[in-house]
Protein backbone atom coordinates (compact mmCIF):
# COMPACT_ATOMS: atom_id res chain seq x y z
CA UNK A 1 64.22 124.35 -5.53
CA UNK A 2 65.83 123.59 -2.12
CA UNK A 3 66.67 119.86 -1.86
CA UNK A 4 65.97 119.86 1.91
CA UNK A 5 62.48 121.20 1.26
CA UNK A 6 61.86 118.50 -1.35
CA UNK A 7 62.92 115.78 1.07
CA UNK A 8 60.57 117.09 3.77
CA UNK A 9 57.72 117.34 1.27
CA UNK A 10 58.33 113.75 0.12
CA UNK A 11 58.19 112.47 3.71
CA UNK A 12 54.99 114.41 4.41
CA UNK A 13 53.25 113.09 1.28
CA UNK A 14 54.25 109.53 2.12
CA UNK A 15 52.81 109.91 5.62
CA UNK A 16 49.58 111.36 4.25
CA UNK A 17 49.29 108.49 1.76
CA UNK A 18 49.70 105.98 4.60
CA UNK A 19 46.91 107.65 6.60
CA UNK A 20 44.52 107.75 3.65
CA UNK A 21 45.08 104.11 2.67
CA UNK A 22 44.95 102.61 6.16
CA UNK A 23 42.27 104.72 7.89
CA UNK A 24 38.85 103.00 8.00
CA UNK A 25 36.10 104.63 5.95
CA UNK A 26 33.43 106.40 8.00
CA UNK A 27 29.86 105.12 7.64
CA UNK A 28 27.68 107.28 5.40
CA UNK A 29 25.82 108.94 8.30
CA UNK A 30 29.12 110.01 9.86
CA UNK A 31 30.66 111.48 6.71
CA UNK A 32 31.48 115.18 7.06
CA UNK A 33 28.55 117.30 5.96
CA UNK A 34 28.67 120.02 3.35
CA UNK A 35 29.46 123.30 5.13
CA UNK A 36 26.67 125.84 5.18
CA UNK A 37 27.11 128.80 2.82
CA UNK A 38 27.08 132.33 4.25
CA UNK A 39 23.71 133.06 2.63
CA UNK A 40 22.02 129.73 1.86
CA UNK A 41 18.96 129.19 -0.28
CA UNK A 42 15.72 128.57 1.62
CA UNK A 43 12.97 126.28 0.29
CA UNK A 44 9.77 126.16 2.33
CA UNK A 45 7.14 123.59 1.27
CA UNK A 46 3.79 124.03 3.03
CA UNK A 47 0.82 121.65 3.10
CA UNK A 48 -2.74 122.49 4.14
CA UNK A 49 -4.59 120.26 6.65
CA UNK A 50 -1.88 117.57 6.84
CA UNK A 51 -1.83 115.70 10.15
CA UNK A 52 1.50 114.75 11.73
CA UNK A 53 0.88 111.01 11.28
CA UNK A 54 0.36 110.97 7.50
CA UNK A 55 3.92 110.17 6.39
CA UNK A 56 4.77 106.50 5.91
CA UNK A 57 8.33 106.63 7.25
CA UNK A 58 7.06 108.33 10.40
CA UNK A 59 4.80 105.44 11.30
CA UNK A 60 1.73 105.31 9.05
CA UNK A 61 1.87 102.05 7.12
CA UNK A 62 -1.39 102.76 5.26
CA UNK A 63 -0.14 105.73 3.25
CA UNK A 64 2.33 106.04 0.35
CA UNK A 65 4.65 109.05 0.61
CA UNK A 66 7.91 108.00 -1.12
CA UNK A 67 9.20 111.54 -1.65
CA UNK A 68 8.46 112.79 1.84
CA UNK A 69 10.05 109.54 3.04
CA UNK A 70 13.30 110.36 1.26
CA UNK A 71 13.17 113.88 2.69
CA UNK A 72 12.74 112.38 6.17
CA UNK A 73 15.93 110.34 5.61
CA UNK A 74 17.98 113.49 5.08
CA UNK A 75 16.15 115.63 7.67
CA UNK A 76 15.92 116.28 11.34
CA UNK A 77 12.25 115.62 12.12
CA UNK A 78 10.46 117.46 14.91
CA UNK A 79 7.90 114.90 16.03
CA UNK A 80 5.96 117.27 18.31
CA UNK A 81 5.34 120.39 16.25
CA UNK A 82 2.16 122.33 17.02
CA UNK A 83 -0.11 125.08 15.80
CA UNK A 84 -1.52 127.31 18.57
CA UNK A 85 -5.07 127.34 17.24
CA UNK A 86 -7.31 130.03 15.82
CA UNK A 87 -9.39 133.12 16.44
CA UNK A 88 -11.68 132.15 13.54
CA UNK A 89 -13.36 129.09 12.07
CA UNK A 90 -10.74 129.13 9.31
CA UNK A 91 -7.79 127.84 11.34
CA UNK A 92 -5.46 128.26 8.37
CA UNK A 93 -5.89 132.06 8.48
CA UNK A 94 -4.56 132.28 12.03
CA UNK A 95 -1.76 129.79 11.39
CA UNK A 96 -0.50 131.64 8.32
CA UNK A 97 -0.76 135.08 9.92
CA UNK A 98 1.33 133.82 12.86
CA UNK A 99 3.85 132.32 10.44
CA UNK A 100 4.30 135.50 8.43
CA UNK A 101 4.35 137.97 11.33
CA UNK A 102 6.11 135.90 13.99
CA UNK A 103 3.45 136.81 16.56
CA UNK A 104 1.68 134.49 19.00
CA UNK A 105 -2.01 133.77 18.42
CA UNK A 106 -3.99 136.68 19.86
CA UNK A 107 -1.26 139.23 19.12
CA UNK A 108 -1.35 138.02 15.52
CA UNK A 109 -5.12 138.49 15.46
CA UNK A 110 -4.70 142.10 16.53
CA UNK A 111 -1.94 142.63 13.98
CA UNK A 112 -4.01 141.03 11.23
CA UNK A 113 -6.59 143.81 11.52
CA UNK A 114 -3.91 146.30 10.46
CA UNK A 115 -1.45 143.95 8.81
CA UNK A 116 -0.96 145.99 5.64
CA UNK A 117 -0.01 149.32 7.28
CA UNK A 118 1.74 147.81 10.30
CA UNK A 119 3.67 144.96 8.70
CA UNK A 120 3.65 145.03 4.93
CA UNK A 121 4.23 148.75 4.41
CA UNK A 122 7.02 148.70 7.01
CA UNK A 123 8.61 145.63 5.46
CA UNK A 124 8.07 143.41 8.50
CA UNK A 125 6.55 140.38 6.77
CA UNK A 126 8.65 137.20 6.70
CA UNK A 127 9.54 137.41 3.00
CA UNK A 128 10.22 141.14 3.22
CA UNK A 129 12.73 140.60 6.01
CA UNK A 130 14.56 138.09 3.83
CA UNK A 131 14.44 140.41 0.83
CA UNK A 132 16.17 143.04 2.96
CA UNK A 133 18.85 140.41 3.63
CA UNK A 134 19.52 140.14 -0.11
CA UNK A 135 17.15 137.32 -1.09
CA UNK A 136 15.00 136.90 -4.17
CA UNK A 137 11.63 135.75 -2.83
CA UNK A 138 9.09 133.59 -4.62
CA UNK A 139 5.53 132.53 -3.77
CA UNK A 140 2.91 130.24 -5.27
CA UNK A 141 -0.28 128.65 -3.96
CA UNK A 142 -2.39 129.24 -0.88
CA UNK A 143 -1.78 132.57 0.86
CA UNK A 144 -4.73 133.35 3.19
CA UNK A 145 -2.96 136.27 4.87
CA UNK A 146 -4.35 139.80 5.03
CA UNK A 147 -1.58 141.29 2.92
CA UNK A 148 -0.87 141.59 -0.79
CA UNK A 149 1.48 138.76 -1.83
CA UNK A 150 2.56 140.69 -4.94
CA UNK A 151 3.89 143.42 -2.63
CA UNK A 152 5.36 140.89 -0.22
CA UNK A 153 7.36 138.69 -2.64
CA UNK A 154 9.66 139.43 -5.56
CA UNK A 155 7.60 136.99 -7.65
CA UNK A 156 4.09 135.71 -6.83
CA UNK A 157 2.11 133.42 -9.13
CA UNK A 158 -1.17 131.52 -9.04
CA UNK A 159 -2.07 132.95 -5.66
CA UNK A 160 -5.05 131.17 -4.12
CA UNK A 161 -6.91 133.08 -1.43
CA UNK A 162 -8.19 130.03 0.38
CA UNK A 163 -9.59 126.58 -0.30
CA UNK A 164 -10.86 125.19 -3.61
CA UNK A 165 -14.64 125.56 -3.85
CA UNK A 166 -16.63 122.58 -2.66
CA UNK A 167 -19.92 121.78 -4.45
CA UNK A 168 -23.18 121.08 -2.64
CA UNK A 169 -22.87 117.41 -3.57
CA UNK A 170 -19.57 117.26 -1.69
CA UNK A 171 -21.27 117.61 1.70
CA UNK A 172 -23.09 115.07 3.89
CA UNK A 173 -21.56 112.12 2.05
CA UNK A 174 -21.48 109.24 1.60
CA UNK A 175 -24.85 108.24 3.03
CA UNK A 176 -25.59 104.63 4.07
CA UNK A 177 -27.08 102.47 1.32
CA UNK A 178 -27.04 105.34 -1.20
CA UNK A 179 -24.91 105.98 -4.27
CA UNK A 180 -22.20 108.56 -3.63
CA UNK A 181 -23.19 111.75 -5.52
CA UNK A 182 -19.62 113.09 -5.62
CA UNK A 183 -16.31 111.86 -7.02
CA UNK A 184 -12.78 112.97 -6.09
CA UNK A 185 -11.45 112.46 -9.63
CA UNK A 186 -14.32 113.79 -11.77
CA UNK A 187 -13.41 117.29 -13.10
CA UNK A 188 -17.11 118.26 -13.29
CA UNK A 189 -16.98 118.97 -9.54
CA UNK A 190 -14.45 121.77 -10.01
CA UNK A 191 -12.44 122.49 -6.87
CA UNK A 192 -8.83 121.46 -7.43
CA UNK A 193 -9.71 120.85 -11.11
CA UNK A 194 -10.73 124.48 -11.78
CA UNK A 195 -8.62 125.89 -14.60
CA UNK A 196 -8.00 122.53 -16.27
CA UNK A 197 -4.99 121.37 -14.24
CA UNK A 198 -4.96 120.09 -10.66
CA UNK A 199 -3.86 122.90 -8.35
CA UNK A 200 -1.11 120.78 -6.79
CA UNK A 201 0.39 120.27 -10.24
CA UNK A 202 0.21 124.03 -10.89
CA UNK A 203 2.13 124.66 -7.66
CA UNK A 204 4.68 122.04 -8.70
CA UNK A 205 5.08 123.66 -12.11
CA UNK A 206 5.61 127.09 -10.53
CA UNK A 207 8.24 125.74 -8.15
CA UNK A 208 10.21 124.23 -11.04
CA UNK A 209 10.04 127.51 -12.94
CA UNK A 210 11.16 129.42 -9.85
CA UNK A 211 14.23 127.19 -9.56
CA UNK A 212 15.13 128.04 -13.16
CA UNK A 213 14.70 131.76 -12.48
CA UNK A 214 16.73 131.52 -9.27
CA UNK A 215 19.62 129.84 -11.06
CA UNK A 216 19.93 132.88 -13.31
CA UNK A 217 20.21 135.27 -10.34
CA UNK A 218 23.27 136.06 -8.26
CA UNK A 219 21.10 136.34 -5.15
CA UNK A 220 20.13 133.44 -2.88
CA UNK A 221 16.45 132.49 -2.96
CA UNK A 222 13.59 132.08 -0.51
CA UNK A 223 10.73 130.03 -1.97
CA UNK A 224 7.37 129.75 -0.18
CA UNK A 225 5.67 126.83 -1.97
CA UNK A 226 2.16 126.54 -0.52
CA UNK A 227 -0.01 123.62 -1.59
CA UNK A 228 -3.77 123.77 -1.03
CA UNK A 229 -3.68 119.99 -0.61
CA UNK A 230 -4.76 117.99 1.26
CA UNK A 231 -7.56 120.42 2.21
CA UNK A 232 -11.03 119.44 1.03
CA UNK A 233 -12.44 118.95 -1.50
CA UNK A 234 -9.92 116.12 -1.35
CA UNK A 235 -9.54 115.54 -5.09
CA UNK A 236 -6.84 113.70 -7.00
CA UNK A 237 -6.50 111.68 -10.22
CA UNK A 238 -8.28 108.32 -10.21
CA UNK A 239 -5.02 106.33 -10.10
CA UNK A 240 -4.20 107.84 -6.71
CA UNK A 241 -7.61 107.06 -5.24
CA UNK A 242 -7.32 103.46 -6.50
CA UNK A 243 -4.15 103.07 -4.45
CA UNK A 244 -6.37 102.95 -1.36
CA UNK A 245 -9.07 100.25 -1.57
CA UNK A 246 -11.55 100.83 1.26
CA UNK A 247 -10.81 97.41 2.75
CA UNK A 248 -7.23 98.59 3.35
CA UNK A 249 -8.19 101.88 5.02
CA UNK A 250 -8.37 101.68 8.80
CA UNK A 251 -10.73 103.33 11.24
CA UNK A 252 -9.09 105.55 13.89
CA UNK A 253 -9.02 103.94 17.32
CA UNK A 254 -10.71 107.04 18.71
CA UNK A 255 -13.69 106.69 16.32
CA UNK A 256 -17.09 107.45 17.82
CA UNK A 257 -20.34 108.33 16.01
CA UNK A 258 -20.42 111.88 17.38
CA UNK A 259 -18.33 113.96 19.79
CA UNK A 260 -20.42 114.89 22.85
CA UNK A 261 -19.11 118.46 23.26
CA UNK A 262 -18.91 119.57 19.63
CA UNK A 263 -21.61 122.27 19.92
CA UNK A 264 -20.26 123.84 23.11
CA UNK A 265 -16.68 123.87 21.86
CA UNK A 266 -17.80 125.75 18.72
CA UNK A 267 -17.16 122.78 16.41
CA UNK A 268 -20.73 121.64 15.95
CA UNK A 269 -22.91 120.28 13.18
CA UNK A 270 -23.18 123.66 11.43
CA UNK A 271 -19.42 124.06 11.01
CA UNK A 272 -18.48 123.68 7.35
CA UNK A 273 -15.72 121.12 7.98
CA UNK A 274 -18.02 118.94 10.06
CA UNK A 275 -20.81 119.01 7.44
CA UNK A 276 -18.66 117.13 4.92
CA UNK A 277 -19.73 113.76 6.39
CA UNK A 278 -23.13 112.64 7.71
CA UNK A 279 -24.21 112.58 11.36
CA UNK A 280 -23.94 110.26 13.12
CA UNK A 281 -20.57 109.23 11.71
CA UNK A 282 -20.37 105.79 10.14
CA UNK A 283 -17.31 103.63 9.66
CA UNK A 284 -18.00 103.62 5.92
CA UNK A 285 -18.06 107.43 5.64
CA UNK A 286 -14.85 107.69 7.63
CA UNK A 287 -13.15 105.14 5.37
CA UNK A 288 -14.21 107.00 2.20
CA UNK A 289 -12.97 110.37 3.48
CA UNK A 290 -9.70 108.89 4.71
CA UNK A 291 -9.24 107.17 1.33
CA UNK A 292 -9.55 110.55 -0.38
CA UNK A 293 -7.32 112.20 2.23
CA UNK A 294 -4.53 109.69 1.67
CA UNK A 295 -4.90 109.90 -2.12
CA UNK A 296 -4.51 113.68 -2.32
CA UNK A 297 -1.51 113.53 0.05
CA UNK A 298 0.14 110.93 -2.20
CA UNK A 299 -0.61 113.08 -5.26
CA UNK A 300 0.96 116.09 -3.49
CA UNK A 301 3.92 113.89 -2.57
CA UNK A 302 4.49 113.28 -6.29
CA UNK A 303 4.68 117.04 -6.86
CA UNK A 304 7.11 117.39 -3.95
CA UNK A 305 9.23 114.73 -5.62
CA UNK A 306 9.33 116.80 -8.80
CA UNK A 307 10.52 119.80 -6.78
CA UNK A 308 13.24 117.84 -4.98
CA UNK A 309 14.44 116.35 -8.27
CA UNK A 310 14.51 119.75 -9.95
CA UNK A 311 16.46 121.22 -7.03
CA UNK A 312 19.08 118.49 -7.40
CA UNK A 313 19.25 118.99 -11.17
CA UNK A 314 19.66 122.74 -10.77
CA UNK A 315 22.96 122.32 -8.93
CA UNK A 316 21.65 124.39 -6.01
CA UNK A 317 20.78 121.57 -3.59
CA UNK A 318 24.02 121.65 -1.61
CA UNK A 319 23.42 125.29 -0.72
CA UNK A 320 19.73 124.92 0.13
CA UNK A 321 17.87 124.36 3.39
CA UNK A 322 14.51 122.63 2.97
CA UNK A 323 11.61 122.98 5.39
CA UNK A 324 8.40 120.97 5.14
CA UNK A 325 5.36 121.44 7.36
CA UNK A 326 1.60 122.06 7.35
CA UNK A 327 -0.57 124.80 8.80
CA UNK A 328 -2.45 122.39 11.08
CA UNK A 329 -3.72 118.82 11.16
CA UNK A 330 -7.18 117.32 10.59
CA UNK A 331 -9.49 114.88 12.37
CA UNK A 332 -11.06 112.94 9.45
CA UNK A 333 -12.96 110.60 11.77
CA UNK A 334 -11.00 110.82 15.02
CA UNK A 335 -13.28 111.46 18.02
CA UNK A 336 -16.31 111.73 15.71
CA UNK A 337 -14.83 114.93 14.24
CA UNK A 338 -13.83 115.80 10.68
CA UNK A 339 -12.31 119.28 10.91
CA UNK A 340 -9.35 120.86 12.67
CA UNK A 341 -11.29 123.10 15.05
CA UNK A 342 -10.30 121.14 18.14
CA UNK A 343 -7.38 120.70 20.54
CA UNK A 344 -6.63 117.02 19.94
CA UNK A 345 -3.19 116.12 18.61
CA UNK A 346 -4.60 114.96 15.26
CA UNK A 347 -5.62 118.57 14.61
CA UNK A 348 -2.94 120.67 16.33
CA UNK A 349 0.17 118.60 15.54
CA UNK A 350 1.85 118.70 12.12
CA UNK A 351 4.90 117.20 10.40
CA UNK A 352 8.02 119.38 10.53
CA UNK A 353 11.11 118.36 8.55
CA UNK A 354 14.35 120.34 8.28
CA UNK A 355 17.09 119.35 5.81
CA UNK A 356 20.20 121.21 4.77
CA UNK A 357 23.98 121.38 4.48
CA UNK A 358 24.79 120.95 8.18
CA UNK A 359 21.52 119.43 9.43
CA UNK A 360 21.81 115.92 10.92
CA UNK A 361 20.17 113.35 8.66
CA UNK A 362 17.56 110.85 9.78
CA UNK A 363 17.29 112.22 13.30
CA UNK A 364 14.13 112.77 15.34
CA UNK A 365 13.67 115.46 17.97
CA UNK A 366 10.75 115.19 20.40
CA UNK A 367 11.11 118.64 21.98
CA UNK A 368 7.80 120.53 21.69
CA UNK A 369 7.96 123.31 19.10
CA UNK A 370 5.59 125.43 17.02
CA UNK A 371 5.54 125.15 13.24
CA UNK A 372 5.92 128.94 13.11
CA UNK A 373 9.44 128.50 14.54
CA UNK A 374 10.42 127.98 10.90
CA UNK A 375 10.19 131.74 10.35
CA UNK A 376 12.94 132.86 12.81
CA UNK A 377 15.01 129.78 11.87
CA UNK A 378 15.25 130.98 8.27
CA UNK A 379 16.12 134.51 9.39
CA UNK A 380 18.97 133.15 11.50
CA UNK A 381 20.24 131.02 8.61
CA UNK A 382 20.13 134.06 6.33
CA UNK A 383 22.23 136.07 8.76
CA UNK A 384 19.34 138.47 9.27
CA UNK A 385 18.53 139.94 12.65
CA UNK A 386 15.36 138.48 14.17
CA UNK A 387 13.08 141.46 14.93
CA UNK A 388 12.17 142.04 18.56
CA UNK A 389 8.46 141.52 17.88
CA UNK A 390 8.99 137.89 16.75
CA UNK A 391 7.80 135.61 19.56
CA UNK A 392 8.54 132.25 17.99
CA UNK A 393 12.01 130.73 18.39
CA UNK A 394 14.67 129.44 16.05
CA UNK A 395 14.99 125.66 15.77
CA UNK A 396 18.78 125.83 15.30
CA UNK A 397 19.76 125.59 18.99
CA UNK A 398 17.76 122.35 19.20
CA UNK A 399 19.21 120.98 15.97
CA UNK A 400 22.77 121.82 17.01
CA UNK A 401 22.36 120.34 20.48
CA UNK A 402 22.84 123.71 22.16
CA UNK A 403 19.45 123.45 23.85
CA UNK A 404 17.12 120.62 24.82
CA UNK A 405 13.87 122.57 24.52
CA UNK A 406 12.55 125.92 23.41
CA UNK A 407 9.26 125.91 25.26
CA UNK A 408 8.32 124.58 28.68
CA UNK A 409 4.75 123.97 27.54
CA UNK A 410 2.53 124.32 24.46
CA UNK A 411 -0.52 126.60 24.37
CA UNK A 412 -3.70 125.96 22.39
CA UNK A 413 -6.96 127.85 21.82
CA UNK A 414 -9.97 127.99 19.52
CA UNK A 415 -12.32 130.97 19.69
CA UNK A 416 -13.74 131.24 23.23
CA UNK A 417 -14.84 127.61 23.17
CA UNK A 418 -11.56 125.75 23.79
CA UNK A 419 -8.27 126.13 25.63
CA UNK A 420 -5.44 123.62 26.06
CA UNK A 421 -1.98 123.21 27.48
CA UNK A 422 0.46 120.36 26.85
CA UNK A 423 3.32 119.93 29.29
CA UNK A 424 5.47 116.84 29.61
CA UNK A 425 3.30 113.80 29.07
CA UNK A 426 0.02 115.48 30.00
CA UNK A 427 -2.49 117.61 28.16
CA UNK A 428 -5.30 119.61 29.74
CA UNK A 429 -8.23 120.56 27.49
CA UNK A 430 -10.90 123.00 28.65
CA UNK A 431 -14.31 123.72 27.15
CA UNK A 432 -15.25 126.97 28.94
CA UNK A 433 -18.77 127.09 27.49
CA UNK A 434 -19.78 123.82 29.19
CA UNK A 435 -17.64 124.05 31.35
CA UNK A 436 -15.71 120.80 31.37
CA UNK A 437 -12.06 119.83 31.79
CA UNK A 438 -10.30 116.84 30.22
CA UNK A 439 -6.88 115.49 31.18
CA UNK A 440 -4.91 113.07 29.03
CA UNK A 441 -1.64 111.19 29.35
CA UNK A 442 -0.59 111.74 25.73
CA UNK A 443 2.48 109.55 26.10
CA UNK A 444 0.64 106.41 27.18
CA UNK A 445 -2.70 107.35 25.61
CA UNK A 446 -1.73 109.01 22.30
CA UNK A 447 -5.28 108.66 20.99
CA UNK A 448 -6.51 110.87 23.86
CA UNK A 449 -9.36 108.55 24.78
CA UNK A 450 -9.01 108.17 28.56
CA UNK A 451 -9.97 111.25 30.58
CA UNK A 452 -7.83 111.04 33.72
CA UNK A 453 -10.09 113.51 35.54
CA UNK A 454 -12.63 110.75 35.95
CA UNK A 455 -10.34 109.81 38.84
CA UNK A 456 -10.12 112.62 41.43
CA UNK A 457 -6.58 111.50 42.27
CA UNK A 458 -5.44 113.30 39.11
CA UNK A 459 -6.87 116.69 40.13
CA UNK A 460 -3.49 117.97 41.33
CA UNK A 461 -1.93 117.28 37.92
CA UNK A 462 -4.73 119.26 36.30
CA UNK A 463 -4.14 122.14 38.70
CA UNK A 464 -0.45 122.29 37.82
CA UNK A 465 -1.26 122.42 34.11
CA UNK A 466 -3.94 125.05 34.70
CA UNK A 467 -1.38 127.27 36.43
CA UNK A 468 0.91 126.89 33.40
CA UNK A 469 -1.97 127.68 31.05
CA UNK A 470 -2.73 130.93 32.88
CA UNK A 471 0.88 132.00 32.33
CA UNK A 472 0.80 131.06 28.65
CA UNK A 473 -2.42 133.04 28.20
CA UNK A 474 -0.54 136.24 29.03
CA UNK A 475 2.23 135.45 26.56
CA UNK A 476 -0.29 134.75 23.79
CA UNK A 477 -2.42 137.85 24.49
CA UNK A 478 -5.38 135.72 25.62
CA UNK A 479 -8.01 137.74 27.54
CA UNK A 480 -10.44 134.89 28.34
CA UNK A 481 -11.07 134.73 32.11
CA UNK A 482 -10.55 131.06 32.93
CA UNK A 483 -10.16 131.61 36.69
CA UNK A 484 -13.82 132.46 37.19
CA UNK A 485 -14.91 129.52 35.04
CA UNK A 486 -12.66 126.89 36.66
CA UNK A 487 -12.24 127.87 40.35
CA UNK A 488 -11.78 124.20 41.23
CA UNK A 489 -8.47 124.20 39.31
CA UNK A 490 -6.95 127.08 41.27
């Protein structure tokens, strides 16, 4: 070998050694991240009815969520992620149809009427698009979409059409000065206990089995892991309920015995979700339901921990993007409401966590987004073209700092009884059947308790938001004539 070459190599190695031994070590957060593979794995974990403020590391000191907490540490968290609302009393149906078609609310309703011929048979469903990109696709848990999951995914197991069945004794409880006729941990009440094993544990088992199957395949995977929890009946093993003594469960600051507009906004006493607790609401009933809500979330968190551990053990974690979200939130005592059929943040905002090879860890992003943005994000990560019909937007430009926001404002609707728009620090809520308009400063009044329209000086702000809402109506396919109902806002 040439002596001159050896001398140059020796000098270069000595210089490199000097750099490596004298350069300061970077802090953990600044260490170079694992580069993203060309076709990464995609793990989507989906909760049902989980409000945005039910993760301990995101600000709720009452709840225990150790596994979601560790996911938060390695994720970019979108703190203002929304669901648009619903065309039916079952909000989850609308949310999941939007997620799997990529269409905004009222367009998704129209598509849902013909979703099998128009989307499934043409291979336009979310999982089908990823399968075309070379992915093995897996599903377990709550579906609630008008399409056949066994024709949509490579593997589909333990498909649940909707919610676990609630018994008659599970409604209108607990009553003051009366024994509670229902128990969240007694298997005799069925629900999540039907079949002998808690449904959340079944979903966890399926996810672990899917990871084993995926390891044996040469293809990347897309897993859609859909828990029914924490939807009612909010059942979990007794040990989880005992974690939340009633004296440690707080009452929401927005608690009132009954919401004054619940009938006119189509969320009245006859609505199934609202019938779970007695009218008027009592602090005791709210505490009991929130105790059960926290317990089933913590039990689900344990199953999520099993999934995260199994992913690490499988050797596939470095090549996997993880998404966690929920289809919508839930009131459970806020504003005298118990369901999600309303436009308050506790019911339209959800957690949204994104973790992966090149995703910044422990960061929070307050740009307003929709939870259904997960769908085009995964398509972009998979190197698949995003179809022209998809109206939601990829989160990657926000994560990479290429954009500061995807949407100028957030649209919300429920049947013909509610409309809403959130823009900047303000939210305008309309109840067209009354009609009434509410204006909130959600930055300084996050509990949405102070209606700014009680002061006429705020009318101009409401008018600006109303103009934005009219524009968003067109984008969402909303035909409700608000102009004739609210001429004072024009």
